[in-house]
N, C-alpha and C. Protein backbone atom coordinates (compact mmCIF):
# COMPACT_ATOMS: atom_id res chain seq x y z
N MET A 1 -21.73 56.75 14.49
CA MET A 1 -21.25 55.38 14.38
C MET A 1 -20.21 55.24 15.59
N LEU A 2 -20.42 54.15 16.33
CA LEU A 2 -19.52 53.97 17.47
C LEU A 2 -18.34 53.04 17.04
N MET A 3 -17.16 53.31 17.50
CA MET A 3 -15.99 52.62 17.20
C MET A 3 -15.68 51.65 18.37
N ASP A 4 -15.19 50.47 18.08
CA ASP A 4 -14.86 49.52 19.15
C ASP A 4 -13.47 50.00 19.66
N THR A 5 -13.45 50.15 20.95
CA THR A 5 -12.20 50.70 21.48
C THR A 5 -11.39 49.62 22.29
N ARG A 6 -11.85 48.40 22.07
CA ARG A 6 -11.13 47.32 22.81
C ARG A 6 -9.74 47.07 22.23
N THR A 7 -8.82 46.74 23.10
CA THR A 7 -7.44 46.43 22.59
C THR A 7 -7.41 44.87 22.22
N LEU A 8 -6.22 44.52 21.63
CA LEU A 8 -6.05 43.10 21.36
C LEU A 8 -6.02 42.33 22.52
N GLN A 9 -5.49 42.80 23.62
CA GLN A 9 -5.43 42.12 24.89
C GLN A 9 -6.87 41.84 25.39
N ASP A 10 -7.76 42.84 25.26
CA ASP A 10 -9.09 42.69 25.77
C ASP A 10 -9.80 41.56 24.96
N VAL A 11 -9.60 41.61 23.63
CA VAL A 11 -10.21 40.51 22.79
C VAL A 11 -9.62 39.15 23.20
N ALA A 12 -8.35 39.09 23.37
CA ALA A 12 -7.72 37.76 23.74
C ALA A 12 -8.24 37.34 25.03
N SER A 13 -8.40 38.24 25.97
CA SER A 13 -8.91 37.83 27.33
C SER A 13 -10.42 37.36 27.21
N ASP A 14 -11.22 38.09 26.39
CA ASP A 14 -12.54 37.65 26.21
C ASP A 14 -12.68 36.24 25.54
N LEU A 15 -11.79 36.04 24.62
CA LEU A 15 -11.67 34.77 23.86
C LEU A 15 -11.34 33.66 24.91
N LYS A 16 -10.33 33.85 25.69
CA LYS A 16 -9.93 32.87 26.68
C LYS A 16 -11.07 32.55 27.69
N ALA A 17 -11.79 33.60 28.15
CA ALA A 17 -12.87 33.42 28.91
C ALA A 17 -13.98 32.55 28.31
N HIS A 18 -14.25 32.88 27.12
CA HIS A 18 -15.23 32.15 26.30
C HIS A 18 -14.82 30.69 26.17
N GLU A 19 -13.53 30.44 25.88
CA GLU A 19 -13.03 29.02 25.76
C GLU A 19 -13.14 28.30 27.12
N ARG A 20 -12.96 28.98 28.24
CA ARG A 20 -13.14 28.30 29.47
C ARG A 20 -14.56 27.85 29.72
N GLU A 21 -15.46 28.82 29.41
CA GLU A 21 -16.90 28.50 29.53
C GLU A 21 -17.33 27.41 28.69
N CYS A 22 -16.83 27.39 27.46
CA CYS A 22 -17.20 26.32 26.52
C CYS A 22 -16.65 24.91 27.03
N ALA A 23 -15.47 24.93 27.57
CA ALA A 23 -14.86 23.73 28.12
C ALA A 23 -15.78 23.19 29.33
N VAL A 24 -16.21 24.05 30.18
CA VAL A 24 -17.11 23.67 31.29
C VAL A 24 -18.38 23.06 30.73
N TYR A 25 -18.96 23.80 29.75
CA TYR A 25 -20.27 23.34 29.11
C TYR A 25 -20.07 21.94 28.41
N ARG A 26 -18.93 21.83 27.76
CA ARG A 26 -18.61 20.54 27.08
C ARG A 26 -18.49 19.39 28.11
N ASP A 27 -17.85 19.70 29.19
CA ASP A 27 -17.76 18.66 30.25
C ASP A 27 -19.08 18.31 30.89
N MET A 28 -19.91 19.27 31.15
CA MET A 28 -21.19 18.99 31.66
C MET A 28 -22.08 18.19 30.66
N THR A 29 -22.01 18.56 29.37
CA THR A 29 -22.76 17.86 28.39
C THR A 29 -22.31 16.42 28.26
N LYS A 30 -20.97 16.20 28.38
CA LYS A 30 -20.44 14.84 28.28
C LYS A 30 -20.95 14.03 29.50
N GLN A 31 -21.02 14.59 30.64
CA GLN A 31 -21.50 13.90 31.80
C GLN A 31 -22.95 13.49 31.69
N SER A 32 -23.73 14.45 31.14
CA SER A 32 -25.20 14.18 30.97
C SER A 32 -25.30 13.00 29.91
N LEU A 33 -24.56 13.10 28.84
CA LEU A 33 -24.72 11.99 27.78
C LEU A 33 -24.24 10.69 28.31
N ASP A 34 -23.28 10.66 29.22
CA ASP A 34 -22.75 9.35 29.81
C ASP A 34 -23.89 8.79 30.70
N LYS A 35 -24.57 9.64 31.46
CA LYS A 35 -25.61 9.15 32.32
C LYS A 35 -26.77 8.65 31.46
N LEU A 36 -27.07 9.40 30.38
CA LEU A 36 -28.21 8.98 29.56
C LEU A 36 -27.83 7.63 28.85
N GLU A 37 -26.61 7.52 28.46
CA GLU A 37 -26.17 6.29 27.74
C GLU A 37 -26.40 5.07 28.72
N SER A 38 -25.95 5.19 29.95
CA SER A 38 -26.14 4.09 30.90
C SER A 38 -27.61 3.75 31.12
N ARG A 39 -28.50 4.73 31.15
CA ARG A 39 -29.95 4.51 31.34
C ARG A 39 -30.49 3.79 30.10
N ILE A 40 -30.01 4.22 28.86
CA ILE A 40 -30.50 3.65 27.67
C ILE A 40 -30.03 2.14 27.57
N ILE A 41 -28.78 1.83 28.01
CA ILE A 41 -28.35 0.45 28.02
C ILE A 41 -29.17 -0.38 28.96
N ARG A 42 -29.56 0.13 30.13
CA ARG A 42 -30.37 -0.58 31.05
C ARG A 42 -31.70 -0.85 30.43
N LEU A 43 -32.33 0.12 29.84
CA LEU A 43 -33.62 -0.07 29.23
C LEU A 43 -33.54 -1.10 28.12
N GLU A 44 -32.55 -1.14 27.31
CA GLU A 44 -32.31 -2.13 26.28
C GLU A 44 -32.27 -3.52 26.86
N LYS A 45 -31.54 -3.72 27.95
CA LYS A 45 -31.46 -4.98 28.63
C LYS A 45 -32.84 -5.41 29.16
N MET A 46 -33.59 -4.49 29.70
CA MET A 46 -34.98 -4.84 30.24
C MET A 46 -35.89 -5.19 29.09
N ILE A 47 -35.83 -4.52 27.88
CA ILE A 47 -36.65 -4.80 26.81
C ILE A 47 -36.24 -6.24 26.29
N MET A 48 -34.92 -6.54 26.15
CA MET A 48 -34.55 -7.82 25.68
C MET A 48 -34.91 -8.89 26.54
N GLY A 49 -34.83 -8.69 27.85
CA GLY A 49 -35.26 -9.70 28.88
C GLY A 49 -36.75 -9.99 28.77
N SER A 50 -37.53 -8.89 28.71
CA SER A 50 -39.06 -9.11 28.61
C SER A 50 -39.39 -9.80 27.24
N THR A 51 -38.78 -9.42 26.23
CA THR A 51 -39.02 -10.02 24.95
C THR A 51 -38.77 -11.58 24.97
N ILE A 52 -37.56 -11.96 25.57
CA ILE A 52 -37.30 -13.37 25.66
C ILE A 52 -38.30 -14.06 26.58
N SER A 53 -38.74 -13.40 27.64
CA SER A 53 -39.79 -14.00 28.51
C SER A 53 -41.08 -14.22 27.76
N VAL A 54 -41.49 -13.25 27.00
CA VAL A 54 -42.79 -13.44 26.25
C VAL A 54 -42.65 -14.49 25.19
N VAL A 55 -41.60 -14.55 24.45
CA VAL A 55 -41.35 -15.58 23.51
C VAL A 55 -41.34 -16.93 24.14
N SER A 56 -40.59 -17.05 25.25
CA SER A 56 -40.57 -18.33 25.94
C SER A 56 -41.93 -18.80 26.50
N ILE A 57 -42.72 -17.95 26.95
CA ILE A 57 -44.08 -18.25 27.37
C ILE A 57 -44.91 -18.75 26.17
N LEU A 58 -44.80 -17.97 25.08
CA LEU A 58 -45.59 -18.37 23.90
C LEU A 58 -45.16 -19.74 23.41
N ILE A 59 -43.89 -20.10 23.37
CA ILE A 59 -43.47 -21.37 22.92
C ILE A 59 -43.96 -22.48 23.83
N ALA A 60 -43.82 -22.22 25.20
CA ALA A 60 -44.36 -23.19 26.15
C ALA A 60 -45.89 -23.42 26.02
N LEU A 61 -46.57 -22.37 25.82
CA LEU A 61 -48.06 -22.54 25.57
C LEU A 61 -48.30 -23.31 24.24
N MET A 62 -47.56 -23.02 23.19
CA MET A 62 -47.77 -23.82 22.01
C MET A 62 -47.58 -25.30 22.09
N PHE A 63 -46.51 -25.64 22.92
CA PHE A 63 -46.25 -27.10 23.25
C PHE A 63 -47.34 -27.72 24.09
N LYS A 64 -47.94 -26.97 24.97
CA LYS A 64 -49.04 -27.52 25.90
C LYS A 64 -50.28 -27.68 25.07
N VAL A 65 -50.54 -26.80 24.04
CA VAL A 65 -51.78 -26.88 23.27
C VAL A 65 -51.67 -28.13 22.25
N MET A 66 -50.49 -28.35 21.75
CA MET A 66 -50.25 -29.44 20.78
C MET A 66 -50.28 -30.73 21.48
């Protein structure tokens, strides 16, 4: 059976390094989500615009037929 020979300072150092890496990962993830959010908002606007256009055309056609 192997014993862990790391000191408390080694463990603290490893933990700090891990926390730094997690902070970098968290920032990268936030940036990716922000970009994705702006793309989703743009898509929502396009969908709403096209829906309004289609409904407007259908209403105009209904008035011409009547």
